[in-house]
Amino acid sequence: MAGHHIQNNIRRLRFEHDEMTQQELADRVNVSRQTIVAIENGKYSPSLELAFRIAQVFDTPLEEVFLYNPVIESPKRK
């Protein structure tokens, strides 16, 4: 099974927004701090709705908060 290919800038965005804590962000988007930690660490991909809510908190386009980087596998040689 492949790992998650979604990266995010949440940590940097929190820092740029008056050093917002993980708990403050969690409260604003109505999830637990552990959920924010897991998303920041790339262990969990948020739902589309949650991703949009996080982007709205930072007043930032979704694609600047979350980045999708698929791993391109080389074709198998015969």
PDB file of N, CA and C in Angstrom:
ATOM      1  N   MET A   1       0.844  -1.194   0.000  1.00  0.00           N
ATOM      2  CA  MET A   1       0.000   0.000   0.000  1.00  0.00           C
ATOM      3  C   MET A   1       0.882   1.247   0.000  1.00  0.00           C
ATOM      4  N   ALA A   2       0.558   2.180  -0.849  1.00  0.00           N
ATOM      5  CA  ALA A   2       1.358   3.407  -0.961  1.00  0.00           C
ATOM      6  C   ALA A   2       1.063   4.344   0.199  1.00  0.00           C
ATOM      7  N   GLY A   3       2.029   5.192   0.530  1.00  0.00           N
ATOM      8  CA  GLY A   3       1.838   6.170   1.590  1.00  0.00           C
ATOM      9  C   GLY A   3       1.037   7.352   1.095  1.00  0.00           C
ATOM     10  N   HIS A   4       0.768   8.272   1.989  1.00  0.00           N
ATOM     11  CA  HIS A   4       0.019   9.471   1.611  1.00  0.00           C
ATOM     12  C   HIS A   4       0.908  10.381   0.762  1.00  0.00           C
ATOM     13  N   HIS A   5       0.326  10.944  -0.259  1.00  0.00           N
ATOM     14  CA  HIS A   5       1.057  11.820  -1.164  1.00  0.00           C
ATOM     15  C   HIS A   5       0.648  13.275  -0.989  1.00  0.00           C
ATOM     16  N   ILE A   6      -0.175  13.545   0.028  1.00  0.00           N
ATOM     17  CA  ILE A   6      -0.626  14.912   0.246  1.00  0.00           C
ATOM     18  C   ILE A   6       0.264  15.562   1.295  1.00  0.00           C
ATOM     19  N   GLN A   7       0.883  16.669   0.903  1.00  0.00           N
ATOM     20  CA  GLN A   7       1.695  17.441   1.831  1.00  0.00           C
ATOM     21  C   GLN A   7       0.905  18.689   2.191  1.00  0.00           C
ATOM     22  N   ASN A   8       1.296  19.363   3.253  1.00  0.00           N
ATOM     23  CA  ASN A   8       0.566  20.568   3.626  1.00  0.00           C
ATOM     24  C   ASN A   8       1.493  21.608   4.226  1.00  0.00           C
ATOM     25  N   ASN A   9       0.990  22.827   4.240  1.00  0.00           N
ATOM     26  CA  ASN A   9       1.720  23.971   4.783  1.00  0.00           C
ATOM     27  C   ASN A   9       1.072  24.481   6.069  1.00  0.00           C
ATOM     28  N   ILE A  10       0.351  23.629   6.766  1.00  0.00           N
ATOM     29  CA  ILE A  10      -0.400  24.091   7.937  1.00  0.00           C
ATOM     30  C   ILE A  10       0.525  24.662   9.005  1.00  0.00           C
ATOM     31  N   ARG A  11       1.626  23.989   9.272  1.00  0.00           N
ATOM     32  CA  ARG A  11       2.542  24.480  10.322  1.00  0.00           C
ATOM     33  C   ARG A  11       3.035  25.892   9.991  1.00  0.00           C
ATOM     34  N   ARG A  12       3.461  26.105   8.737  1.00  0.00           N
ATOM     35  CA  ARG A  12       3.935  27.425   8.328  1.00  0.00           C
ATOM     36  C   ARG A  12       2.814  28.459   8.386  1.00  0.00           C
ATOM     37  N   LEU A  13       1.625  28.074   7.939  1.00  0.00           N
ATOM     38  CA  LEU A  13       0.498  29.006   7.954  1.00  0.00           C
ATOM     39  C   LEU A  13       0.111  29.387   9.382  1.00  0.00           C
ATOM     40  N   ARG A  14       0.154  28.432  10.299  1.00  0.00           N
ATOM     41  CA  ARG A  14      -0.135  28.753  11.703  1.00  0.00           C
ATOM     42  C   ARG A  14       0.867  29.767  12.227  1.00  0.00           C
ATOM     43  N   PHE A  15       2.138  29.552  11.895  1.00  0.00           N
ATOM     44  CA  PHE A  15       3.188  30.461  12.355  1.00  0.00           C
ATOM     45  C   PHE A  15       2.966  31.868  11.801  1.00  0.00           C
ATOM     46  N   GLU A  16       2.571  31.934  10.525  1.00  0.00           N
ATOM     47  CA  GLU A  16       2.361  33.231   9.874  1.00  0.00           C
ATOM     48  C   GLU A  16       1.095  33.934  10.349  1.00  0.00           C
ATOM     49  N   HIS A  17       0.166  33.177  10.951  1.00  0.00           N
ATOM     50  CA  HIS A  17      -1.068  33.762  11.475  1.00  0.00           C
ATOM     51  C   HIS A  17      -0.959  33.885  12.994  1.00  0.00           C
ATOM     52  N   ASP A  18      -0.090  34.796  13.413  1.00  0.00           N
ATOM     53  CA  ASP A  18       0.106  35.094  14.843  1.00  0.00           C
ATOM     54  C   ASP A  18       0.459  33.858  15.659  1.00  0.00           C
ATOM     55  N   GLU A  19       1.226  32.945  15.038  1.00  0.00           N
ATOM     56  CA  GLU A  19       1.655  31.721  15.719  1.00  0.00           C
ATOM     57  C   GLU A  19       0.481  30.989  16.364  1.00  0.00           C
ATOM     58  N   MET A  20      -0.576  30.845  15.581  1.00  0.00           N
ATOM     59  CA  MET A  20      -1.766  30.102  16.011  1.00  0.00           C
ATOM     60  C   MET A  20      -1.362  28.700  16.478  1.00  0.00           C
ATOM     61  N   THR A  21      -1.917  28.270  17.593  1.00  0.00           N
ATOM     62  CA  THR A  21      -1.587  26.929  18.095  1.00  0.00           C
ATOM     63  C   THR A  21      -2.415  25.874  17.358  1.00  0.00           C
ATOM     64  N   GLN A  22      -1.970  24.636  17.470  1.00  0.00           N
ATOM     65  CA  GLN A  22      -2.743  23.536  16.895  1.00  0.00           C
ATOM     66  C   GLN A  22      -4.125  23.490  17.532  1.00  0.00           C
ATOM     67  N   GLN A  23      -4.196  23.759  18.829  1.00  0.00           N
ATOM     68  CA  GLN A  23      -5.484  23.728  19.525  1.00  0.00           C
ATOM     69  C   GLN A  23      -6.419  24.829  19.009  1.00  0.00           C
ATOM     70  N   GLU A  24      -5.868  26.020  18.781  1.00  0.00           N
ATOM     71  CA  GLU A  24      -6.699  27.123  18.254  1.00  0.00           C
ATOM     72  C   GLU A  24      -7.257  26.767  16.884  1.00  0.00           C
ATOM     73  N   LEU A  25      -6.418  26.189  16.027  1.00  0.00           N
ATOM     74  CA  LEU A  25      -6.884  25.782  14.705  1.00  0.00           C
ATOM     75  C   LEU A  25      -7.943  24.695  14.840  1.00  0.00           C
ATOM     76  N   ALA A  26      -7.692  23.721  15.703  1.00  0.00           N
ATOM     77  CA  ALA A  26      -8.647  22.626  15.922  1.00  0.00           C
ATOM     78  C   ALA A  26     -10.007  23.176  16.353  1.00  0.00           C
ATOM     79  N   ASP A  27      -9.979  24.137  17.277  1.00  0.00           N
ATOM     80  CA  ASP A  27     -11.231  24.736  17.760  1.00  0.00           C
ATOM     81  C   ASP A  27     -11.969  25.455  16.629  1.00  0.00           C
ATOM     82  N   ARG A  28     -11.223  26.132  15.768  1.00  0.00           N
ATOM     83  CA  ARG A  28     -11.847  26.909  14.684  1.00  0.00           C
ATOM     84  C   ARG A  28     -12.503  26.006  13.637  1.00  0.00           C
ATOM     85  N   VAL A  29     -11.952  24.798  13.449  1.00  0.00           N
ATOM     86  CA  VAL A  29     -12.515  23.898  12.426  1.00  0.00           C
ATOM     87  C   VAL A  29     -13.269  22.720  13.052  1.00  0.00           C
ATOM     88  N   ASN A  30     -13.414  22.762  14.397  1.00  0.00           N
ATOM     89  CA  ASN A  30     -14.249  21.801  15.112  1.00  0.00           C
ATOM     90  C   ASN A  30     -13.756  20.357  15.024  1.00  0.00           C
ATOM     91  N   VAL A  31     -12.445  20.185  15.220  1.00  0.00           N
ATOM     92  CA  VAL A  31     -11.867  18.837  15.325  1.00  0.00           C
ATOM     93  C   VAL A  31     -10.955  18.813  16.549  1.00  0.00           C
ATOM     94  N   SER A  32     -10.421  17.651  16.881  1.00  0.00           N
ATOM     95  CA  SER A  32      -9.501  17.550  18.019  1.00  0.00           C
ATOM     96  C   SER A  32      -8.111  18.029  17.615  1.00  0.00           C
ATOM     97  N   ARG A  33      -7.320  18.414  18.614  1.00  0.00           N
ATOM     98  CA  ARG A  33      -5.931  18.809  18.340  1.00  0.00           C
ATOM     99  C   ARG A  33      -5.172  17.641  17.730  1.00  0.00           C
ATOM    100  N   GLN A  34      -5.492  16.421  18.176  1.00  0.00           N
ATOM    101  CA  GLN A  34      -4.805  15.231  17.637  1.00  0.00           C
ATOM    102  C   GLN A  34      -5.037  15.094  16.137  1.00  0.00           C
ATOM    103  N   THR A  35      -6.225  15.491  15.680  1.00  0.00           N
ATOM    104  CA  THR A  35      -6.511  15.436  14.242  1.00  0.00           C
ATOM    105  C   THR A  35      -5.612  16.404  13.490  1.00  0.00           C
ATOM    106  N   ILE A  36      -5.449  17.618  14.028  1.00  0.00           N
ATOM    107  CA  ILE A  36      -4.573  18.607  13.386  1.00  0.00           C
ATOM    108  C   ILE A  36      -3.131  18.099  13.374  1.00  0.00           C
ATOM    109  N   VAL A  37      -2.684  17.517  14.485  1.00  0.00           N
ATOM    110  CA  VAL A  37      -1.322  16.960  14.564  1.00  0.00           C
ATOM    111  C   VAL A  37      -1.135  15.905  13.467  1.00  0.00           C
ATOM    112  N   ALA A  38      -2.107  14.998  13.340  1.00  0.00           N
ATOM    113  CA  ALA A  38      -2.001  13.914  12.357  1.00  0.00           C
ATOM    114  C   ALA A  38      -1.980  14.462  10.929  1.00  0.00           C
ATOM    115  N   ILE A  39      -2.800  15.489  10.663  1.00  0.00           N
ATOM    116  CA  ILE A  39      -2.818  16.086   9.323  1.00  0.00           C
ATOM    117  C   ILE A  39      -1.475  16.765   9.042  1.00  0.00           C
ATOM    118  N   GLU A  40      -0.989  17.558  10.010  1.00  0.00           N
ATOM    119  CA  GLU A  40       0.299  18.261   9.827  1.00  0.00           C
ATOM    120  C   GLU A  40       1.428  17.286   9.552  1.00  0.00           C
ATOM    121  N   ASN A  41       1.394  16.150  10.229  1.00  0.00           N
ATOM    122  CA  ASN A  41       2.469  15.167  10.102  1.00  0.00           C
ATOM    123  C   ASN A  41       2.290  14.242   8.910  1.00  0.00           C
ATOM    124  N   GLY A  42       1.245  14.463   8.132  1.00  0.00           N
ATOM    125  CA  GLY A  42       1.020  13.643   6.941  1.00  0.00           C
ATOM    126  C   GLY A  42       0.555  12.242   7.246  1.00  0.00           C
ATOM    127  N   LYS A  43       0.052  12.020   8.471  1.00  0.00           N
ATOM    128  CA  LYS A  43      -0.418  10.678   8.844  1.00  0.00           C
ATOM    129  C   LYS A  43      -1.893  10.489   8.504  1.00  0.00           C
ATOM    130  N   TYR A  44      -2.568  11.596   8.215  1.00  0.00           N
ATOM    131  CA  TYR A  44      -4.011  11.555   7.989  1.00  0.00           C
ATOM    132  C   TYR A  44      -4.367  12.594   6.937  1.00  0.00           C
ATOM    133  N   SER A  45      -5.182  12.191   5.962  1.00  0.00           N
ATOM    134  CA  SER A  45      -5.658  13.137   4.950  1.00  0.00           C
ATOM    135  C   SER A  45      -7.057  13.583   5.346  1.00  0.00           C
ATOM    136  N   PRO A  46      -7.269  14.894   5.474  1.00  0.00           N
ATOM    137  CA  PRO A  46      -8.584  15.377   5.894  1.00  0.00           C
ATOM    138  C   PRO A  46      -9.631  15.168   4.810  1.00  0.00           C
ATOM    139  N   SER A  47     -10.896  15.178   5.229  1.00  0.00           N
ATOM    140  CA  SER A  47     -11.981  15.168   4.249  1.00  0.00           C
ATOM    141  C   SER A  47     -11.898  16.457   3.447  1.00  0.00           C
ATOM    142  N   LEU A  48     -12.545  16.462   2.307  1.00  0.00           N
ATOM    143  CA  LEU A  48     -12.547  17.661   1.478  1.00  0.00           C
ATOM    144  C   LEU A  48     -13.165  18.830   2.249  1.00  0.00           C
ATOM    145  N   GLU A  49     -14.232  18.564   2.976  1.00  0.00           N
ATOM    146  CA  GLU A  49     -14.891  19.621   3.748  1.00  0.00           C
ATOM    147  C   GLU A  49     -13.935  20.209   4.787  1.00  0.00           C
ATOM    148  N   LEU A  50     -13.249  19.341   5.516  1.00  0.00           N
ATOM    149  CA  LEU A  50     -12.314  19.819   6.539  1.00  0.00           C
ATOM    150  C   LEU A  50     -11.150  20.580   5.891  1.00  0.00           C
ATOM    151  N   ALA A  51     -10.669  20.095   4.768  1.00  0.00           N
ATOM    152  CA  ALA A  51      -9.583  20.784   4.066  1.00  0.00           C
ATOM    153  C   ALA A  51     -10.008  22.202   3.694  1.00  0.00           C
ATOM    154  N   PHE A  52     -11.237  22.356   3.194  1.00  0.00           N
ATOM    155  CA  PHE A  52     -11.732  23.692   2.843  1.00  0.00           C
ATOM    156  C   PHE A  52     -11.878  24.564   4.081  1.00  0.00           C
ATOM    157  N   ARG A  53     -12.348  23.985   5.189  1.00  0.00           N
ATOM    158  CA  ARG A  53     -12.502  24.775   6.420  1.00  0.00           C
ATOM    159  C   ARG A  53     -11.149  25.278   6.906  1.00  0.00           C
ATOM    160  N   ILE A  54     -10.122  24.420   6.841  1.00  0.00           N
ATOM    161  CA  ILE A  54      -8.771  24.834   7.252  1.00  0.00           C
ATOM    162  C   ILE A  54      -8.288  25.969   6.350  1.00  0.00           C
ATOM    163  N   ALA A  55      -8.485  25.827   5.043  1.00  0.00           N
ATOM    164  CA  ALA A  55      -8.057  26.877   4.107  1.00  0.00           C
ATOM    165  C   ALA A  55      -8.778  28.195   4.401  1.00  0.00           C
ATOM    166  N   GLN A  56     -10.068  28.121   4.757  1.00  0.00           N
ATOM    167  CA  GLN A  56     -10.833  29.338   5.060  1.00  0.00           C
ATOM    168  C   GLN A  56     -10.309  30.028   6.307  1.00  0.00           C
ATOM    169  N   VAL A  57      -9.902  29.251   7.316  1.00  0.00           N
ATOM    170  CA  VAL A  57      -9.345  29.846   8.535  1.00  0.00           C
ATOM    171  C   VAL A  57      -8.147  30.722   8.180  1.00  0.00           C
ATOM    172  N   PHE A  58      -7.306  30.233   7.269  1.00  0.00           N
ATOM    173  CA  PHE A  58      -6.105  30.970   6.886  1.00  0.00           C
ATOM    174  C   PHE A  58      -6.352  31.952   5.740  1.00  0.00           C
ATOM    175  N   ASP A  59      -7.600  31.975   5.223  1.00  0.00           N
ATOM    176  CA  ASP A  59      -7.939  32.828   4.090  1.00  0.00           C
ATOM    177  C   ASP A  59      -6.947  32.607   2.949  1.00  0.00           C
ATOM    178  N   THR A  60      -6.719  31.333   2.663  1.00  0.00           N
ATOM    179  CA  THR A  60      -5.704  30.906   1.696  1.00  0.00           C
ATOM    180  C   THR A  60      -6.329  29.898   0.735  1.00  0.00           C
ATOM    181  N   PRO A  61      -6.009  29.954  -0.551  1.00  0.00           N
ATOM    182  CA  PRO A  61      -6.545  28.957  -1.486  1.00  0.00           C
ATOM    183  C   PRO A  61      -6.161  27.536  -1.060  1.00  0.00           C
ATOM    184  N   LEU A  62      -7.094  26.628  -1.272  1.00  0.00           N
ATOM    185  CA  LEU A  62      -6.896  25.232  -0.862  1.00  0.00           C
ATOM    186  C   LEU A  62      -5.566  24.668  -1.366  1.00  0.00           C
ATOM    187  N   GLU A  63      -5.218  24.982  -2.628  1.00  0.00           N
ATOM    188  CA  GLU A  63      -3.995  24.401  -3.214  1.00  0.00           C
ATOM    189  C   GLU A  63      -2.725  24.997  -2.625  1.00  0.00           C
ATOM    190  N   GLU A  64      -2.842  26.067  -1.834  1.00  0.00           N
ATOM    191  CA  GLU A  64      -1.670  26.592  -1.141  1.00  0.00           C
ATOM    192  C   GLU A  64      -1.537  26.004   0.264  1.00  0.00           C
ATOM    193  N   VAL A  65      -2.613  25.374   0.735  1.00  0.00           N
ATOM    194  CA  VAL A  65      -2.576  24.712   2.043  1.00  0.00           C
ATOM    195  C   VAL A  65      -2.175  23.252   1.870  1.00  0.00           C
ATOM    196  N   PHE A  66      -2.777  22.601   0.877  1.00  0.00           N
ATOM    197  CA  PHE A  66      -2.515  21.182   0.618  1.00  0.00           C
ATOM    198  C   PHE A  66      -1.928  21.001  -0.770  1.00  0.00           C
ATOM    199  N   LEU A  67      -0.906  20.153  -0.868  1.00  0.00           N
ATOM    200  CA  LEU A  67      -0.249  19.889  -2.143  1.00  0.00           C
ATOM    201  C   LEU A  67      -0.290  18.389  -2.396  1.00  0.00           C
ATOM    202  N   TYR A  68      -0.705  18.025  -3.587  1.00  0.00           N
ATOM    203  CA  TYR A  68      -0.763  16.612  -3.942  1.00  0.00           C
ATOM    204  C   TYR A  68       0.430  16.268  -4.813  1.00  0.00           C
ATOM    205  N   ASN A  69       1.248  15.341  -4.332  1.00  0.00           N
ATOM    206  CA  ASN A  69       2.434  14.923  -5.078  1.00  0.00           C
ATOM    207  C   ASN A  69       2.402  13.413  -5.302  1.00  0.00           C
ATOM    208  N   PRO A  70       1.782  12.994  -6.399  1.00  0.00           N
ATOM    209  CA  PRO A  70       1.751  11.550  -6.646  1.00  0.00           C
ATOM    210  C   PRO A  70       3.147  11.014  -6.910  1.00  0.00           C
ATOM    211  N   VAL A  71       3.381   9.808  -6.460  1.00  0.00           N
ATOM    212  CA  VAL A  71       4.661   9.161  -6.727  1.00  0.00           C
ATOM    213  C   VAL A  71       4.508   8.448  -8.062  1.00  0.00           C
ATOM    214  N   ILE A  72       5.348   8.817  -8.992  1.00  0.00           N
ATOM    215  CA  ILE A  72       5.277   8.189 -10.318  1.00  0.00           C
ATOM    216  C   ILE A  72       6.182   6.969 -10.313  1.00  0.00           C
ATOM    217  N   GLU A  73       5.552   5.827 -10.479  1.00  0.00           N
ATOM    218  CA  GLU A  73       6.334   4.590 -10.475  1.00  0.00           C
ATOM    219  C   GLU A  73       6.863   4.331 -11.882  1.00  0.00           C
ATOM    220  N   SER A  74       8.103   3.920 -11.936  1.00  0.00           N
ATOM    221  CA  SER A  74       8.671   3.613 -13.249  1.00  0.00           C
ATOM    222  C   SER A  74       8.061   2.304 -13.758  1.00  0.00           C
ATOM    223  N   PRO A  75       7.870   2.225 -15.060  1.00  0.00           N
ATOM    224  CA  PRO A  75       7.265   0.985 -15.612  1.00  0.00           C
ATOM    225  C   PRO A  75       8.179  -0.217 -15.348  1.00  0.00           C
ATOM    226  N   LYS A  76       7.530  -1.336 -15.128  1.00  0.00           N
ATOM    227  CA  LYS A  76       8.285  -2.565 -14.865  1.00  0.00           C
ATOM    228  C   LYS A  76       8.961  -3.034 -16.150  1.00  0.00           C
ATOM    229  N   ARG A  77      10.216  -3.455 -16.007  1.00  0.00           N
ATOM    230  CA  ARG A  77      10.933  -3.962 -17.194  1.00  0.00           C
ATOM    231  C   ARG A  77      10.722  -5.454 -17.290  1.00  0.00           C
ATOM    232  N   LYS A  78      10.650  -5.908 -18.528  1.00  0.00           N
ATOM    233  CA  LYS A  78      10.451  -7.346 -18.753  1.00  0.00           C
ATOM    234  C   LYS A  78      11.770  -8.010 -19.062  1.00  0.00           C
TER     235      LYS A  78
END
